[in-house]
């Protein structure tokens, strides 16, 4: 009886430990998924800001090129 009782206790402890491990794994997976979504949102916002800045830089460069081309077109050739 003592052995059977001990074996039953061990099975109960194993089931409880497995359930606790599954719960913690589920929680960790949910946390990871949430953090990935937040990281994606941050990355997207950062990339959009960078895109806007680069478009501004490109517009500035185009304006400079256009101004120089216009100035050189107005100069008489030697």
N, C-alpha and C. Protein backbone atom coordinates (compact mmCIF):
# COMPACT_ATOMS: atom_id res chain seq x y z
N UNK A 1 0.81 -1.20 0.00
CA UNK A 1 0.00 0.00 0.00
C UNK A 1 0.86 1.26 0.00
N UNK A 2 1.92 1.22 0.74
CA UNK A 2 2.80 2.40 0.81
C UNK A 2 3.40 2.69 -0.56
N UNK A 3 3.84 1.63 -1.25
CA UNK A 3 4.42 1.80 -2.58
C UNK A 3 3.37 2.32 -3.55
N UNK A 4 2.18 1.74 -3.53
CA UNK A 4 1.11 2.19 -4.42
C UNK A 4 0.74 3.64 -4.14
N UNK A 5 0.67 3.98 -2.87
CA UNK A 5 0.36 5.35 -2.49
C UNK A 5 1.46 6.30 -2.96
N UNK A 6 2.70 5.91 -2.83
CA UNK A 6 3.83 6.74 -3.27
C UNK A 6 3.80 6.89 -4.79
N UNK A 7 3.52 5.81 -5.50
CA UNK A 7 3.46 5.88 -6.97
C UNK A 7 2.33 6.81 -7.42
N UNK A 8 1.19 6.71 -6.75
CA UNK A 8 0.08 7.59 -7.08
C UNK A 8 0.45 9.05 -6.81
N UNK A 9 1.11 9.29 -5.71
CA UNK A 9 1.54 10.64 -5.36
C UNK A 9 2.52 11.18 -6.41
N UNK A 10 3.44 10.32 -6.85
CA UNK A 10 4.40 10.71 -7.88
C UNK A 10 3.68 11.06 -9.18
N UNK A 11 2.68 10.23 -9.56
CA UNK A 11 1.92 10.52 -10.79
C UNK A 11 1.19 11.86 -10.66
N UNK A 12 0.61 12.10 -9.50
CA UNK A 12 -0.09 13.37 -9.28
C UNK A 12 0.88 14.56 -9.37
N UNK A 13 2.04 14.40 -8.77
CA UNK A 13 3.04 15.46 -8.83
C UNK A 13 3.52 15.70 -10.26
N UNK A 14 3.72 14.62 -11.01
CA UNK A 14 4.14 14.75 -12.41
C UNK A 14 3.08 15.45 -13.24
N UNK A 15 1.81 15.07 -13.05
CA UNK A 15 0.73 15.73 -13.78
C UNK A 15 0.68 17.22 -13.45
N UNK A 16 0.80 17.53 -12.17
CA UNK A 16 0.77 18.93 -11.76
C UNK A 16 1.95 19.70 -12.34
N UNK A 17 3.13 19.09 -12.34
CA UNK A 17 4.31 19.74 -12.88
C UNK A 17 4.18 19.94 -14.39
N UNK A 18 3.64 18.95 -15.09
CA UNK A 18 3.45 19.07 -16.55
C UNK A 18 2.43 20.17 -16.86
N UNK A 19 1.36 20.22 -16.08
CA UNK A 19 0.35 21.26 -16.29
C UNK A 19 0.94 22.65 -16.04
N UNK A 20 1.71 22.77 -14.98
CA UNK A 20 2.36 24.04 -14.68
C UNK A 20 3.34 24.43 -15.78
N UNK A 21 4.08 23.46 -16.29
CA UNK A 21 5.02 23.74 -17.37
C UNK A 21 4.28 24.17 -18.63
N UNK A 22 3.16 23.50 -18.95
CA UNK A 22 2.37 23.90 -20.12
C UNK A 22 1.83 25.32 -19.95
N UNK A 23 1.33 25.62 -18.76
CA UNK A 23 0.81 26.97 -18.50
C UNK A 23 1.89 28.03 -18.67
N UNK A 24 3.06 27.75 -18.14
CA UNK A 24 4.16 28.72 -18.26
C UNK A 24 4.61 28.86 -19.71
N UNK A 25 4.64 27.76 -20.44
CA UNK A 25 5.01 27.82 -21.85
C UNK A 25 3.99 28.63 -22.64
N UNK A 26 2.70 28.39 -22.38
CA UNK A 26 1.64 29.17 -23.05
C UNK A 26 1.80 30.65 -22.75
N UNK A 27 2.04 30.96 -21.50
CA UNK A 27 2.22 32.36 -21.10
C UNK A 27 3.43 32.98 -21.79
N UNK A 28 4.52 32.24 -21.85
CA UNK A 28 5.73 32.74 -22.51
C UNK A 28 5.48 32.95 -24.00
N UNK A 29 4.74 32.05 -24.63
CA UNK A 29 4.45 32.20 -26.05
C UNK A 29 3.56 33.42 -26.30
N UNK A 30 2.59 33.64 -25.43
CA UNK A 30 1.73 34.81 -25.58
C UNK A 30 2.52 36.10 -25.38
N UNK A 31 3.40 36.09 -24.40
CA UNK A 31 4.24 37.27 -24.15
C UNK A 31 5.15 37.53 -25.34
N UNK A 32 5.73 36.48 -25.89
CA UNK A 32 6.61 36.63 -27.05
C UNK A 32 5.84 37.16 -28.25
N UNK A 33 4.64 36.66 -28.46
CA UNK A 33 3.83 37.13 -29.59
C UNK A 33 3.47 38.61 -29.42
N UNK A 34 3.13 39.00 -28.21
CA UNK A 34 2.82 40.41 -27.93
C UNK A 34 4.03 41.29 -28.18
N UNK A 35 5.18 40.86 -27.69
CA UNK A 35 6.40 41.65 -27.88
C UNK A 35 6.79 41.72 -29.35
N UNK A 36 6.56 40.66 -30.09
CA UNK A 36 6.86 40.69 -31.53
C UNK A 36 5.95 41.70 -32.24
N UNK A 37 4.66 41.70 -31.88
CA UNK A 37 3.74 42.67 -32.49
C UNK A 37 4.18 44.09 -32.17
N UNK A 38 4.55 44.34 -30.91
CA UNK A 38 4.99 45.67 -30.52
C UNK A 38 6.28 46.06 -31.23
N UNK A 39 7.18 45.11 -31.39
CA UNK A 39 8.43 45.39 -32.10
C UNK A 39 8.16 45.69 -33.57
N UNK A 40 7.22 44.97 -34.17
CA UNK A 40 6.86 45.22 -35.56
C UNK A 40 6.27 46.62 -35.73
N UNK A 41 5.41 47.03 -34.80
CA UNK A 41 4.81 48.36 -34.87
C UNK A 41 5.90 49.42 -34.76
N UNK A 42 6.81 49.24 -33.81
CA UNK A 42 7.91 50.20 -33.64
C UNK A 42 8.78 50.27 -34.89
N UNK A 43 9.13 49.10 -35.43
CA UNK A 43 9.97 49.05 -36.63
C UNK A 43 9.28 49.74 -37.80
N UNK A 44 7.99 49.50 -37.96
CA UNK A 44 7.24 50.12 -39.06
C UNK A 44 7.20 51.64 -38.90
N UNK A 45 6.95 52.11 -37.68
CA UNK A 45 6.94 53.55 -37.44
C UNK A 45 8.31 54.17 -37.74
N UNK A 46 9.35 53.50 -37.30
CA UNK A 46 10.71 54.00 -37.52
C UNK A 46 11.05 54.03 -39.01
N UNK A 47 10.68 52.98 -39.72
CA UNK A 47 10.95 52.93 -41.16
C UNK A 47 10.16 53.99 -41.91
N UNK A 48 8.93 54.24 -41.49
CA UNK A 48 8.14 55.29 -42.15
C UNK A 48 8.76 56.66 -41.93
N UNK A 49 9.24 56.92 -40.71
CA UNK A 49 9.91 58.19 -40.45
C UNK A 49 11.17 58.32 -41.30
N UNK A 50 11.93 57.25 -41.38
CA UNK A 50 13.15 57.26 -42.20
C UNK A 50 12.81 57.49 -43.66
N UNK A 51 11.75 56.85 -44.13
CA UNK A 51 11.32 57.04 -45.52
C UNK A 51 10.97 58.50 -45.79
N UNK A 52 10.23 59.10 -44.85
CA UNK A 52 9.88 60.52 -45.01
C UNK A 52 11.13 61.40 -45.06
N UNK A 53 12.08 61.13 -44.18
CA UNK A 53 13.32 61.91 -44.16
C UNK A 53 14.09 61.73 -45.46
N UNK A 54 14.19 60.50 -45.94
CA UNK A 54 14.91 60.24 -47.18
C UNK A 54 14.23 60.92 -48.37
N UNK A 55 12.90 60.91 -48.38
CA UNK A 55 12.19 61.60 -49.45
C UNK A 55 12.48 63.10 -49.41
N UNK A 56 12.58 63.65 -48.21
CA UNK A 56 12.95 65.06 -48.08
C UNK A 56 14.35 65.33 -48.59
N UNK A 57 15.28 64.44 -48.24
CA UNK A 57 16.66 64.58 -48.73
C UNK A 57 16.71 64.49 -50.25
N UNK A 58 15.98 63.54 -50.81
CA UNK A 58 15.96 63.36 -52.27
C UNK A 58 15.38 64.61 -52.94
N UNK A 59 14.32 65.16 -52.36
CA UNK A 59 13.73 66.38 -52.93
C UNK A 59 14.73 67.53 -52.90
N UNK A 60 15.48 67.64 -51.81
CA UNK A 60 16.50 68.69 -51.69
C UNK A 60 17.59 68.49 -52.75
N UNK A 61 18.03 67.26 -52.93
CA UNK A 61 19.07 66.97 -53.92
C UNK A 61 18.54 67.27 -55.32
N UNK A 62 17.30 66.88 -55.61
CA UNK A 62 16.72 67.14 -56.94
C UNK A 62 16.64 68.65 -57.21
N UNK A 63 16.22 69.38 -56.18
CA UNK A 63 16.13 70.84 -56.34
C UNK A 63 17.51 71.43 -56.62
N UNK A 64 18.52 70.93 -55.94
CA UNK A 64 19.88 71.40 -56.18
C UNK A 64 20.36 71.07 -57.57
N UNK A 65 20.09 69.84 -58.01
CA UNK A 65 20.48 69.43 -59.38
C UNK A 65 19.74 70.28 -60.40
N UNK A 66 18.46 70.45 -60.21
CA UNK A 66 17.67 71.27 -61.15
C UNK A 66 18.19 72.70 -61.20
N UNK A 67 18.52 73.26 -60.04
CA UNK A 67 19.02 74.64 -60.01
C UNK A 67 20.36 74.75 -60.73
N UNK A 68 21.24 73.80 -60.50
CA UNK A 68 22.54 73.83 -61.17
C UNK A 68 22.40 73.62 -62.67
N UNK A 69 21.51 72.73 -63.08
CA UNK A 69 21.30 72.51 -64.51
C UNK A 69 20.72 73.77 -65.16
N UNK A 70 19.79 74.41 -64.48
CA UNK A 70 19.19 75.64 -65.02
C UNK A 70 20.23 76.74 -65.12
N UNK A 71 21.09 76.84 -64.12
CA UNK A 71 22.13 77.87 -64.13
C UNK A 71 23.12 77.60 -65.25
N UNK A 72 23.51 76.34 -65.42
CA UNK A 72 24.49 76.04 -66.46
C UNK A 72 23.87 76.18 -67.85
N UNK A 73 22.56 75.99 -67.97
CA UNK A 73 21.89 76.16 -69.28
C UNK A 73 21.81 77.64 -69.65
N UNK A 74 21.77 78.51 -68.66
CA UNK A 74 21.67 79.95 -68.90
C UNK A 74 23.01 80.58 -69.24
N UNK A 75 24.10 79.92 -68.92
CA UNK A 75 25.44 80.47 -69.16
C UNK A 75 25.81 80.27 -70.63
N UNK A 76 26.44 81.26 -71.18
CA UNK A 76 26.92 81.10 -72.57
C UNK A 76 28.09 80.14 -72.60
N UNK A 77 28.17 79.39 -73.63
CA UNK A 77 29.27 78.43 -73.79
C UNK A 77 30.50 79.15 -74.31
N UNK A 78 31.68 78.79 -73.83
CA UNK A 78 32.90 79.44 -74.27
C UNK A 78 33.58 78.66 -75.35
